[in-house]
């Protein structure tokens, strides 16, 4: 395997390891820290930029491997039509060339495909984490508002109780005033009656 296909294989193994790490079950807090680190760290951003350039070269290798495999397949079909595959060495050489072409095609194709899947899954999980954080913040805010509404309702009840007590006090005050007026009237009548009795005794 040539150097660039060896590097492509190493890149594929790295993608598999990263994909396994991303989809592995873990606590939400740990996953959130990991994804925030991967999405906000400037060093990771530079690495992602370098990988995008690398994937361009991998795409070129994929196209080259595809063309080579098609060419080898056409050569094999032409050789079979001309009965040139009678020699064992020729057939073995053709089989080896076809194997290497297919290997390179599958290697580069798998690397490109997994890079697309990895990128898509990463952003889906990142969006999920952001939605989960927004939901938690909204739930916390709603709980605070519910607590504030409960306090406001309690204050409203206390105000109503105080207003009711004030109305009762005004009623009692009015009744006391009426009773005082009635008491004064009765006292005046009593005084008048007592005065008349005293005048009769004096006569």
N, C-alpha and C. Protein backbone atom coordinates (compact mmCIF):
# COMPACT_ATOMS: atom_id res chain seq x y z
N UNK A 1 0.85 -1.18 0.00
CA UNK A 1 0.00 0.00 0.00
C UNK A 1 0.89 1.24 0.00
N UNK A 2 0.59 2.16 -0.90
CA UNK A 2 1.39 3.38 -0.99
C UNK A 2 1.15 4.28 0.21
N UNK A 3 1.97 5.34 0.30
CA UNK A 3 1.94 6.20 1.48
C UNK A 3 0.60 6.91 1.62
N UNK A 4 0.08 7.45 0.51
CA UNK A 4 -1.17 8.22 0.64
C UNK A 4 -2.35 7.32 0.96
N UNK A 5 -2.34 6.08 0.49
CA UNK A 5 -3.41 5.17 0.88
C UNK A 5 -3.24 4.71 2.33
N UNK A 6 -2.00 4.63 2.79
CA UNK A 6 -1.77 4.32 4.21
C UNK A 6 -2.29 5.45 5.09
N UNK A 7 -2.04 6.70 4.68
CA UNK A 7 -2.58 7.84 5.42
C UNK A 7 -4.10 7.86 5.36
N UNK A 8 -4.64 7.49 4.23
CA UNK A 8 -6.10 7.42 4.11
C UNK A 8 -6.68 6.35 5.05
N UNK A 9 -5.98 5.23 5.16
CA UNK A 9 -6.43 4.19 6.08
C UNK A 9 -6.36 4.67 7.53
N UNK A 10 -5.28 5.39 7.88
CA UNK A 10 -5.18 5.95 9.23
C UNK A 10 -6.29 6.96 9.50
N UNK A 11 -6.62 7.76 8.50
CA UNK A 11 -7.73 8.71 8.65
C UNK A 11 -9.05 7.99 8.85
N UNK A 12 -9.24 6.89 8.14
CA UNK A 12 -10.47 6.11 8.30
C UNK A 12 -10.56 5.53 9.71
N UNK A 13 -9.46 5.01 10.24
CA UNK A 13 -9.47 4.48 11.59
C UNK A 13 -9.75 5.57 12.63
N UNK A 14 -9.20 6.76 12.38
CA UNK A 14 -9.46 7.89 13.29
C UNK A 14 -10.94 8.28 13.26
N UNK A 15 -11.52 8.27 12.08
CA UNK A 15 -12.95 8.58 11.97
C UNK A 15 -13.80 7.54 12.69
N UNK A 16 -13.44 6.28 12.56
CA UNK A 16 -14.19 5.23 13.25
C UNK A 16 -14.09 5.40 14.76
N UNK A 17 -12.89 5.72 15.25
CA UNK A 17 -12.71 5.91 16.70
C UNK A 17 -13.51 7.12 17.19
N UNK A 18 -13.48 8.22 16.43
CA UNK A 18 -14.22 9.41 16.83
C UNK A 18 -15.73 9.18 16.77
N UNK A 19 -16.17 8.48 15.74
CA UNK A 19 -17.60 8.19 15.62
C UNK A 19 -18.08 7.30 16.77
N UNK A 20 -17.26 6.32 17.12
CA UNK A 20 -17.61 5.45 18.25
C UNK A 20 -17.67 6.24 19.55
N UNK A 21 -16.74 7.18 19.72
CA UNK A 21 -16.74 8.01 20.93
C UNK A 21 -17.98 8.91 20.99
N UNK A 22 -18.37 9.45 19.85
CA UNK A 22 -19.51 10.37 19.81
C UNK A 22 -20.81 9.66 20.15
N UNK A 23 -21.01 8.48 19.58
CA UNK A 23 -22.29 7.78 19.78
C UNK A 23 -22.29 6.89 21.01
N UNK A 24 -21.16 6.82 21.71
CA UNK A 24 -21.10 5.98 22.91
C UNK A 24 -21.98 6.58 24.01
N UNK A 25 -22.66 5.74 24.79
CA UNK A 25 -23.49 6.27 25.89
C UNK A 25 -22.62 6.89 26.98
N UNK A 26 -23.01 8.10 27.40
CA UNK A 26 -22.27 8.81 28.44
C UNK A 26 -23.22 9.80 29.11
N UNK A 27 -22.88 10.29 30.29
CA UNK A 27 -23.73 11.29 30.95
C UNK A 27 -23.89 12.55 30.10
N UNK A 28 -25.03 13.19 30.27
CA UNK A 28 -25.32 14.37 29.44
C UNK A 28 -24.34 15.50 29.71
N UNK A 29 -23.94 15.68 30.96
CA UNK A 29 -23.00 16.76 31.29
C UNK A 29 -21.65 16.52 30.62
N UNK A 30 -21.18 15.27 30.62
CA UNK A 30 -19.91 14.96 29.98
C UNK A 30 -19.99 15.14 28.47
N UNK A 31 -21.10 14.69 27.88
CA UNK A 31 -21.28 14.86 26.44
C UNK A 31 -21.34 16.34 26.07
N UNK A 32 -22.01 17.14 26.91
CA UNK A 32 -22.12 18.57 26.64
C UNK A 32 -20.75 19.24 26.68
N UNK A 33 -19.94 18.90 27.68
CA UNK A 33 -18.60 19.48 27.77
C UNK A 33 -17.75 19.08 26.56
N UNK A 34 -17.85 17.82 26.17
CA UNK A 34 -17.04 17.34 25.05
C UNK A 34 -17.43 18.05 23.75
N UNK A 35 -18.74 18.19 23.51
CA UNK A 35 -19.18 18.81 22.26
C UNK A 35 -18.92 20.31 22.26
N UNK A 36 -19.05 20.95 23.42
CA UNK A 36 -18.71 22.37 23.48
C UNK A 36 -17.21 22.58 23.23
N UNK A 37 -16.40 21.66 23.73
CA UNK A 37 -14.96 21.76 23.49
C UNK A 37 -14.65 21.57 22.00
N UNK A 38 -15.29 20.58 21.38
CA UNK A 38 -15.02 20.31 19.97
C UNK A 38 -15.54 21.42 19.05
N UNK A 39 -16.60 22.09 19.47
CA UNK A 39 -17.21 23.11 18.60
C UNK A 39 -16.68 24.52 18.85
N UNK A 40 -16.05 24.76 20.01
CA UNK A 40 -15.63 26.12 20.35
C UNK A 40 -14.11 26.28 20.45
N UNK A 41 -13.37 25.18 20.52
CA UNK A 41 -11.93 25.29 20.68
C UNK A 41 -11.29 25.74 19.36
N UNK A 42 -10.44 26.77 19.37
CA UNK A 42 -9.83 27.24 18.11
C UNK A 42 -8.86 26.23 17.50
N UNK A 43 -8.19 25.45 18.33
CA UNK A 43 -7.27 24.43 17.79
C UNK A 43 -8.05 23.37 17.02
N UNK A 44 -9.19 22.96 17.58
CA UNK A 44 -10.03 21.98 16.89
C UNK A 44 -10.56 22.55 15.58
N UNK A 45 -10.86 23.84 15.57
CA UNK A 45 -11.33 24.48 14.33
C UNK A 45 -10.25 24.44 13.25
N UNK A 46 -9.00 24.66 13.64
CA UNK A 46 -7.90 24.59 12.67
C UNK A 46 -7.71 23.16 12.15
N UNK A 47 -7.86 22.19 13.06
CA UNK A 47 -7.74 20.79 12.65
C UNK A 47 -8.86 20.43 11.67
N UNK A 48 -10.06 20.92 11.93
CA UNK A 48 -11.18 20.66 11.03
C UNK A 48 -10.93 21.27 9.65
N UNK A 49 -10.34 22.46 9.63
CA UNK A 49 -10.02 23.10 8.35
C UNK A 49 -8.99 22.27 7.58
N UNK A 50 -7.99 21.78 8.29
CA UNK A 50 -6.98 20.94 7.64
C UNK A 50 -7.59 19.64 7.13
N UNK A 51 -8.52 19.08 7.90
CA UNK A 51 -9.16 17.84 7.46
C UNK A 51 -10.02 18.06 6.22
N UNK A 52 -10.65 19.22 6.12
CA UNK A 52 -11.44 19.51 4.91
C UNK A 52 -10.55 19.51 3.67
N UNK A 53 -9.36 20.09 3.80
CA UNK A 53 -8.42 20.07 2.68
C UNK A 53 -7.97 18.63 2.39
N UNK A 54 -7.76 17.86 3.46
CA UNK A 54 -7.35 16.46 3.28
C UNK A 54 -8.42 15.66 2.56
N UNK A 55 -9.68 15.93 2.89
CA UNK A 55 -10.77 15.19 2.25
C UNK A 55 -10.89 15.54 0.77
N UNK A 56 -10.43 16.71 0.39
CA UNK A 56 -10.39 17.04 -1.05
C UNK A 56 -9.42 16.10 -1.77
N UNK A 57 -8.26 15.89 -1.16
CA UNK A 57 -7.29 14.95 -1.75
C UNK A 57 -7.83 13.52 -1.73
N UNK A 58 -8.54 13.17 -0.68
CA UNK A 58 -9.14 11.83 -0.62
C UNK A 58 -10.18 11.67 -1.73
N UNK A 59 -10.93 12.73 -2.01
CA UNK A 59 -11.90 12.67 -3.10
C UNK A 59 -11.20 12.49 -4.45
N UNK A 60 -10.06 13.15 -4.61
CA UNK A 60 -9.28 12.96 -5.85
C UNK A 60 -8.81 11.52 -5.97
N UNK A 61 -8.34 10.96 -4.84
CA UNK A 61 -7.92 9.55 -4.85
C UNK A 61 -9.09 8.62 -5.15
N UNK A 62 -10.26 8.97 -4.66
CA UNK A 62 -11.45 8.15 -4.94
C UNK A 62 -11.78 8.14 -6.43
N UNK A 63 -11.73 9.32 -7.03
CA UNK A 63 -12.01 9.40 -8.47
C UNK A 63 -10.96 8.63 -9.27
N UNK A 64 -9.70 8.75 -8.85
CA UNK A 64 -8.63 8.02 -9.54
C UNK A 64 -8.80 6.51 -9.39
N UNK A 65 -9.15 6.06 -8.18
CA UNK A 65 -9.36 4.62 -7.97
C UNK A 65 -10.56 4.12 -8.76
N UNK A 66 -11.59 4.94 -8.86
CA UNK A 66 -12.76 4.54 -9.64
C UNK A 66 -12.42 4.40 -11.12
N UNK A 67 -11.69 5.38 -11.64
CA UNK A 67 -11.29 5.30 -13.05
C UNK A 67 -10.39 4.09 -13.30
N UNK A 68 -9.49 3.83 -12.37
CA UNK A 68 -8.58 2.69 -12.54
C UNK A 68 -9.34 1.37 -12.50
N UNK A 69 -10.33 1.27 -11.61
CA UNK A 69 -11.09 0.03 -11.53
C UNK A 69 -11.92 -0.18 -12.79
N UNK A 70 -12.50 0.91 -13.31
CA UNK A 70 -13.27 0.79 -14.55
C UNK A 70 -12.37 0.38 -15.71
N UNK A 71 -11.18 0.97 -15.76
CA UNK A 71 -10.24 0.63 -16.83
C UNK A 71 -9.80 -0.83 -16.74
N UNK A 72 -9.53 -1.30 -15.52
CA UNK A 72 -9.12 -2.70 -15.35
C UNK A 72 -10.26 -3.64 -15.71
N UNK A 73 -11.48 -3.26 -15.35
CA UNK A 73 -12.63 -4.10 -15.70
C UNK A 73 -12.80 -4.17 -17.22
N UNK A 74 -12.61 -3.05 -17.89
CA UNK A 74 -12.71 -3.05 -19.35
C UNK A 74 -11.60 -3.89 -19.98
N UNK A 75 -10.38 -3.78 -19.42
CA UNK A 75 -9.29 -4.61 -19.93
C UNK A 75 -9.57 -6.10 -19.72
N UNK A 76 -10.13 -6.45 -18.57
CA UNK A 76 -10.45 -7.85 -18.32
C UNK A 76 -11.52 -8.36 -19.25
N UNK A 77 -12.54 -7.52 -19.50
CA UNK A 77 -13.59 -7.94 -20.43
C UNK A 77 -13.04 -8.12 -21.84
N UNK A 78 -12.15 -7.21 -22.24
CA UNK A 78 -11.55 -7.34 -23.58
C UNK A 78 -10.65 -8.56 -23.66
N UNK A 79 -9.90 -8.86 -22.59
CA UNK A 79 -9.02 -10.03 -22.60
C UNK A 79 -9.82 -11.32 -22.64
N UNK A 80 -10.94 -11.36 -21.93
CA UNK A 80 -11.78 -12.57 -21.98
C UNK A 80 -12.39 -12.75 -23.36
N UNK A 81 -12.72 -11.63 -23.98
CA UNK A 81 -13.30 -11.74 -25.32
C UNK A 81 -12.28 -12.26 -26.33
N UNK A 82 -11.01 -11.90 -26.12
CA UNK A 82 -9.95 -12.34 -27.04
C UNK A 82 -9.28 -13.64 -26.58
N UNK A 83 -9.75 -14.18 -25.45
CA UNK A 83 -9.17 -15.42 -24.92
C UNK A 83 -7.69 -15.24 -24.56
N UNK A 84 -7.36 -14.07 -23.96
CA UNK A 84 -5.98 -13.81 -23.56
C UNK A 84 -5.71 -14.19 -22.11
N UNK A 85 -6.68 -14.78 -21.42
CA UNK A 85 -6.53 -15.11 -20.01
C UNK A 85 -6.07 -16.56 -19.80
N UNK A 86 -5.56 -17.18 -20.85
CA UNK A 86 -5.14 -18.58 -20.72
C UNK A 86 -3.91 -18.72 -19.84
N UNK A 87 -3.06 -17.71 -19.84
CA UNK A 87 -1.84 -17.76 -19.04
C UNK A 87 -2.20 -17.49 -17.58
N UNK A 88 -1.63 -18.32 -16.68
CA UNK A 88 -1.92 -18.18 -15.25
C UNK A 88 -1.33 -16.90 -14.71
N UNK A 89 -0.15 -16.54 -15.17
CA UNK A 89 0.48 -15.32 -14.68
C UNK A 89 -0.32 -14.09 -15.08
N UNK A 90 -0.81 -14.09 -16.29
CA UNK A 90 -1.61 -12.96 -16.75
C UNK A 90 -2.90 -12.84 -15.94
N UNK A 91 -3.52 -13.98 -15.69
CA UNK A 91 -4.76 -13.96 -14.91
C UNK A 91 -4.50 -13.54 -13.47
N UNK A 92 -3.38 -14.01 -12.90
CA UNK A 92 -3.04 -13.62 -11.52
C UNK A 92 -2.73 -12.13 -11.44
N UNK A 93 -2.00 -11.64 -12.42
CA UNK A 93 -1.68 -10.21 -12.46
C UNK A 93 -2.94 -9.37 -12.59
N UNK A 94 -3.85 -9.83 -13.41
CA UNK A 94 -5.11 -9.10 -13.58
C UNK A 94 -5.93 -9.12 -12.29
N UNK A 95 -5.97 -10.27 -11.63
CA UNK A 95 -6.72 -10.38 -10.37
C UNK A 95 -6.12 -9.48 -9.29
N UNK A 96 -4.78 -9.41 -9.25
CA UNK A 96 -4.13 -8.56 -8.25
C UNK A 96 -4.41 -7.09 -8.52
N UNK A 97 -4.32 -6.69 -9.79
CA UNK A 97 -4.61 -5.30 -10.14
C UNK A 97 -6.06 -4.94 -9.82
N UNK A 98 -6.97 -5.85 -10.10
CA UNK A 98 -8.38 -5.59 -9.80
C UNK A 98 -8.60 -5.50 -8.29
N UNK A 99 -7.94 -6.37 -7.54
CA UNK A 99 -8.07 -6.35 -6.08
C UNK A 99 -7.57 -5.02 -5.51
N UNK A 100 -6.40 -4.57 -5.96
CA UNK A 100 -5.85 -3.31 -5.45
C UNK A 100 -6.74 -2.13 -5.83
N UNK A 101 -7.27 -2.16 -7.03
CA UNK A 101 -8.15 -1.07 -7.47
C UNK A 101 -9.42 -1.03 -6.63
N UNK A 102 -10.00 -2.21 -6.39
CA UNK A 102 -11.21 -2.27 -5.57
C UNK A 102 -10.92 -1.87 -4.12
N UNK A 103 -9.76 -2.33 -3.61
CA UNK A 103 -9.39 -1.97 -2.24
C UNK A 103 -9.26 -0.46 -2.10
N UNK A 104 -8.56 0.17 -3.04
CA UNK A 104 -8.37 1.62 -2.98
C UNK A 104 -9.70 2.36 -3.13
N UNK A 105 -10.56 1.83 -3.99
CA UNK A 105 -11.87 2.46 -4.17
C UNK A 105 -12.70 2.37 -2.89
N UNK A 106 -12.76 1.20 -2.28
CA UNK A 106 -13.54 1.04 -1.05
C UNK A 106 -12.93 1.84 0.10
N UNK A 107 -11.60 1.90 0.13
CA UNK A 107 -10.93 2.63 1.21
C UNK A 107 -11.24 4.12 1.14
N UNK A 108 -11.04 4.70 -0.03
CA UNK A 108 -11.30 6.14 -0.17
C UNK A 108 -12.80 6.45 -0.08
N UNK A 109 -13.62 5.58 -0.67
CA UNK A 109 -15.06 5.81 -0.60
C UNK A 109 -15.58 5.73 0.83
N UNK A 110 -15.11 4.74 1.58
CA UNK A 110 -15.53 4.62 2.98
C UNK A 110 -15.07 5.81 3.80
N UNK A 111 -13.87 6.31 3.53
CA UNK A 111 -13.37 7.47 4.26
C UNK A 111 -14.23 8.70 3.99
N UNK A 112 -14.57 8.93 2.73
CA UNK A 112 -15.42 10.08 2.39
C UNK A 112 -16.82 9.93 2.97
N UNK A 113 -17.39 8.74 2.82
CA UNK A 113 -18.75 8.52 3.31
C UNK A 113 -18.82 8.68 4.83
N UNK A 114 -17.85 8.11 5.53
CA UNK A 114 -17.86 8.22 6.99
C UNK A 114 -17.61 9.65 7.45
N UNK A 115 -16.84 10.41 6.68
CA UNK A 115 -16.63 11.82 7.04
C UNK A 115 -17.94 12.60 6.96
N UNK A 116 -18.74 12.32 5.92
CA UNK A 116 -20.05 12.98 5.80
C UNK A 116 -20.98 12.56 6.94
N UNK A 117 -21.01 11.27 7.23
CA UNK A 117 -21.86 10.78 8.31
C UNK A 117 -21.42 11.36 9.65
N UNK A 118 -20.12 11.40 9.86
CA UNK A 118 -19.58 11.92 11.12
C UNK A 118 -19.93 13.39 11.31
N UNK A 119 -19.78 14.16 10.25
CA UNK A 119 -20.11 15.59 10.33
C UNK A 119 -21.59 15.80 10.62
N UNK A 120 -22.43 15.03 9.92
CA UNK A 120 -23.88 15.18 10.11
C UNK A 120 -24.30 14.77 11.52
N UNK A 121 -23.79 13.65 12.00
CA UNK A 121 -24.15 13.18 13.34
C UNK A 121 -23.65 14.15 14.41
N UNK A 122 -22.46 14.71 14.19
CA UNK A 122 -21.91 15.67 15.15
C UNK A 122 -22.82 16.88 15.30
N UNK A 123 -23.26 17.44 14.18
CA UNK A 123 -24.10 18.64 14.25
C UNK A 123 -25.51 18.32 14.74
N UNK A 124 -25.99 17.12 14.47
CA UNK A 124 -27.30 16.72 15.01
C UNK A 124 -27.24 16.63 16.53
N UNK A 125 -26.20 15.99 17.05
CA UNK A 125 -26.07 15.87 18.50
C UNK A 125 -25.83 17.24 19.13
N UNK A 126 -25.06 18.11 18.46
CA UNK A 126 -24.82 19.45 18.98
C UNK A 126 -26.13 20.24 19.04
N UNK A 127 -26.95 20.13 18.00
CA UNK A 127 -28.26 20.79 18.03
C UNK A 127 -29.14 20.23 19.14
N UNK A 128 -29.06 18.93 19.34
CA UNK A 128 -29.84 18.31 20.42
C UNK A 128 -29.40 18.84 21.79
N UNK A 129 -28.10 19.00 21.98
CA UNK A 129 -27.60 19.52 23.25
C UNK A 129 -28.07 20.96 23.45
N UNK A 130 -28.03 21.77 22.40
CA UNK A 130 -28.49 23.15 22.52
C UNK A 130 -29.98 23.22 22.82
N UNK A 131 -30.75 22.35 22.18
CA UNK A 131 -32.19 22.32 22.45
C UNK A 131 -32.45 21.87 23.89
N UNK A 132 -31.67 20.90 24.35
CA UNK A 132 -31.82 20.42 25.73
C UNK A 132 -31.48 21.53 26.72
N UNK A 133 -30.43 22.30 26.43
CA UNK A 133 -30.07 23.41 27.31
C UNK A 133 -31.16 24.48 27.31
N UNK A 134 -31.71 24.79 26.14
CA UNK A 134 -32.79 25.77 26.06
C UNK A 134 -34.02 25.29 26.83
N UNK A 135 -34.31 24.00 26.70
CA UNK A 135 -35.45 23.44 27.43
C UNK A 135 -35.24 23.51 28.94
N UNK A 136 -34.02 23.21 29.38
CA UNK A 136 -33.73 23.27 30.82
C UNK A 136 -33.84 24.70 31.33
N UNK A 137 -33.31 25.66 30.54
CA UNK A 137 -33.41 27.07 30.95
C UNK A 137 -34.86 27.52 31.00
N UNK A 138 -35.65 27.12 30.00
CA UNK A 138 -37.06 27.48 29.98
C UNK A 138 -37.82 26.85 31.13
N UNK A 139 -37.48 25.61 31.44
CA UNK A 139 -38.12 24.93 32.56
C UNK A 139 -37.77 25.61 33.88
N UNK A 140 -36.51 26.01 34.03
CA UNK A 140 -36.09 26.72 35.24
C UNK A 140 -36.80 28.07 35.35
N UNK A 141 -36.91 28.76 34.23
CA UNK A 141 -37.60 30.06 34.22
C UNK A 141 -39.08 29.89 34.55
N UNK A 142 -39.68 28.85 34.01
CA UNK A 142 -41.09 28.58 34.29
C UNK A 142 -41.30 28.26 35.76
N UNK A 143 -40.35 27.51 36.33
CA UNK A 143 -40.45 27.19 37.77
C UNK A 143 -40.35 28.46 38.61
N UNK A 144 -39.46 29.37 38.21
CA UNK A 144 -39.35 30.64 38.94
C UNK A 144 -40.62 31.45 38.81
N UNK A 145 -41.17 31.50 37.59
CA UNK A 145 -42.41 32.24 37.39
C UNK A 145 -43.55 31.62 38.18
N UNK A 146 -43.57 30.29 38.26
CA UNK A 146 -44.61 29.63 39.04
C UNK A 146 -44.47 29.98 40.52
N UNK A 147 -43.20 30.01 41.00
CA UNK A 147 -42.98 30.42 42.38
C UNK A 147 -43.39 31.85 42.63
N UNK A 148 -43.08 32.74 41.66
CA UNK A 148 -43.47 34.14 41.80
C UNK A 148 -44.99 34.28 41.75
N UNK A 149 -45.63 33.51 40.89
CA UNK A 149 -47.09 33.54 40.82
C UNK A 149 -47.71 33.05 42.12
N UNK A 150 -47.09 32.01 42.71
CA UNK A 150 -47.58 31.52 43.99
C UNK A 150 -47.46 32.57 45.09
N UNK A 151 -46.32 33.27 45.11
CA UNK A 151 -46.14 34.34 46.10
C UNK A 151 -47.13 35.47 45.86
N UNK A 152 -47.35 35.82 44.59
CA UNK A 152 -48.31 36.89 44.29
C UNK A 152 -49.72 36.48 44.71
N UNK A 153 -50.05 35.21 44.49
CA UNK A 153 -51.37 34.73 44.90
C UNK A 153 -51.52 34.78 46.41
N UNK A 154 -50.45 34.42 47.12
CA UNK A 154 -50.50 34.47 48.58
C UNK A 154 -50.65 35.91 49.07
N UNK A 155 -49.90 36.82 48.45
CA UNK A 155 -50.04 38.24 48.82
C UNK A 155 -51.44 38.75 48.52
N UNK A 156 -51.99 38.31 47.40
CA UNK A 156 -53.35 38.73 47.05
C UNK A 156 -54.35 38.24 48.08
N UNK A 157 -54.17 37.02 48.55
CA UNK A 157 -55.07 36.49 49.58
C UNK A 157 -54.94 37.27 50.88
N UNK A 158 -53.70 37.61 51.23
CA UNK A 158 -53.49 38.36 52.47
C UNK A 158 -54.10 39.76 52.37
N UNK A 159 -53.97 40.37 51.19
CA UNK A 159 -54.60 41.69 50.99
C UNK A 159 -56.11 41.59 51.11
N UNK A 160 -56.67 40.53 50.52
CA UNK A 160 -58.12 40.34 50.63
C UNK A 160 -58.55 40.13 52.08
N UNK A 161 -57.73 39.37 52.82
CA UNK A 161 -58.05 39.17 54.23
C UNK A 161 -57.99 40.48 55.01
N UNK A 162 -56.96 41.30 54.71
CA UNK A 162 -56.86 42.60 55.39
C UNK A 162 -58.02 43.51 55.01
N UNK A 163 -58.41 43.47 53.74
CA UNK A 163 -59.57 44.27 53.33
C UNK A 163 -60.84 43.80 54.03
N UNK A 164 -60.98 42.48 54.16
CA UNK A 164 -62.15 41.96 54.87
C UNK A 164 -62.14 42.39 56.34
N UNK A 165 -60.96 42.33 56.96
CA UNK A 165 -60.86 42.77 58.36
C UNK A 165 -61.15 44.26 58.48
N UNK A 166 -60.70 45.03 57.48
CA UNK A 166 -60.97 46.47 57.52
C UNK A 166 -62.45 46.74 57.38
N UNK A 167 -63.12 45.98 56.51
CA UNK A 167 -64.57 46.14 56.37
C UNK A 167 -65.28 45.76 57.67
N UNK A 168 -64.81 44.68 58.30
CA UNK A 168 -65.41 44.29 59.58
C UNK A 168 -65.19 45.37 60.63
N UNK A 169 -64.00 45.97 60.62
CA UNK A 169 -63.70 47.03 61.58
C UNK A 169 -64.60 48.25 61.34
N UNK A 170 -64.79 48.60 60.06
CA UNK A 170 -65.67 49.72 59.75
C UNK A 170 -67.10 49.42 60.18
N UNK A 171 -67.53 48.17 59.98
CA UNK A 171 -68.88 47.78 60.40
C UNK A 171 -69.02 47.88 61.91
N UNK A 172 -68.01 47.36 62.63
CA UNK A 172 -68.04 47.45 64.09
C UNK A 172 -68.02 48.90 64.55
N UNK A 173 -67.22 49.70 63.86
CA UNK A 173 -67.14 51.12 64.22
C UNK A 173 -68.49 51.81 64.01
N UNK A 174 -69.13 51.46 62.90
CA UNK A 174 -70.45 52.05 62.63
C UNK A 174 -71.47 51.59 63.67
N UNK A 175 -71.43 50.29 63.99
CA UNK A 175 -72.35 49.77 65.00
C UNK A 175 -72.10 50.42 66.36
N UNK A 176 -70.80 50.60 66.68
CA UNK A 176 -70.48 51.25 67.96
C UNK A 176 -70.99 52.68 67.98
N UNK A 177 -70.86 53.38 66.83
CA UNK A 177 -71.38 54.75 66.76
C UNK A 177 -72.88 54.79 66.93
N UNK A 178 -73.57 53.86 66.26
CA UNK A 178 -75.02 53.81 66.40
C UNK A 178 -75.43 53.48 67.83
N UNK A 179 -74.72 52.53 68.44
CA UNK A 179 -75.02 52.20 69.83
C UNK A 179 -74.76 53.38 70.76
N UNK A 180 -73.71 54.14 70.47
CA UNK A 180 -73.40 55.32 71.29
C UNK A 180 -74.49 56.37 71.17
N UNK A 181 -74.97 56.56 69.92
CA UNK A 181 -76.07 57.53 69.72
C UNK A 181 -77.32 57.07 70.45
N UNK A 182 -77.59 55.76 70.32
CA UNK A 182 -78.77 55.23 71.00
C UNK A 182 -78.63 55.33 72.52
N UNK A 183 -77.41 55.08 73.00
CA UNK A 183 -77.17 55.19 74.44
C UNK A 183 -77.36 56.63 74.91
N UNK A 184 -76.86 57.57 74.13
CA UNK A 184 -77.04 58.99 74.50
C UNK A 184 -78.51 59.38 74.49
N UNK A 185 -79.25 58.87 73.51
CA UNK A 185 -80.68 59.19 73.45
C UNK A 185 -81.41 58.63 74.66
N UNK A 186 -81.08 57.36 74.97
CA UNK A 186 -81.72 56.76 76.14
C UNK A 186 -81.32 57.48 77.42
N UNK A 187 -80.05 57.90 77.48
CA UNK A 187 -79.60 58.63 78.67
C UNK A 187 -80.33 59.96 78.80
N UNK A 188 -80.53 60.65 77.67
CA UNK A 188 -81.25 61.92 77.71
C UNK A 188 -82.69 61.70 78.15
N UNK A 189 -83.33 60.66 77.59
CA UNK A 189 -84.70 60.38 78.00
C UNK A 189 -84.77 60.03 79.48
N UNK A 190 -83.77 59.26 79.92
CA UNK A 190 -83.74 58.91 81.34
C UNK A 190 -83.55 60.14 82.22
N UNK A 191 -82.69 61.03 81.78
CA UNK A 191 -82.46 62.25 82.55
C UNK A 191 -83.71 63.10 82.58
N UNK A 192 -84.39 63.18 81.43
CA UNK A 192 -85.63 63.96 81.40
C UNK A 192 -86.67 63.35 82.33
N UNK A 193 -86.78 62.02 82.26
CA UNK A 193 -87.76 61.35 83.13
C UNK A 193 -87.39 61.55 84.59
N UNK A 194 -86.14 61.46 84.91
CA UNK A 194 -85.70 61.66 86.30
C UNK A 194 -85.96 63.09 86.74
N UNK A 195 -85.78 64.04 85.85
CA UNK A 195 -86.02 65.44 86.18
C UNK A 195 -87.49 65.69 86.45
N UNK A 196 -88.38 65.10 85.69
CA UNK A 196 -89.81 65.27 85.90
C UNK A 196 -90.23 64.68 87.23
N UNK A 197 -89.70 63.54 87.59
CA UNK A 197 -90.05 62.91 88.86
C UNK A 197 -89.59 63.78 90.02
N UNK A 198 -88.43 64.37 89.91
CA UNK A 198 -87.91 65.23 90.98
C UNK A 198 -88.78 66.46 91.14
N UNK A 199 -89.26 67.03 90.04
CA UNK A 199 -90.11 68.21 90.11
C UNK A 199 -91.42 67.89 90.79
N UNK A 200 -92.02 66.71 90.54
CA UNK A 200 -93.28 66.33 91.16
C UNK A 200 -93.10 66.15 92.65
N UNK A 201 -91.97 65.56 93.08
CA UNK A 201 -91.74 65.38 94.51
C UNK A 201 -91.57 66.73 95.19
N UNK A 202 -90.97 67.65 94.52
CA UNK A 202 -90.77 68.97 95.11
C UNK A 202 -92.10 69.67 95.31
N UNK A 203 -93.08 69.50 94.42
CA UNK A 203 -94.40 70.09 94.57
C UNK A 203 -95.10 69.45 95.76
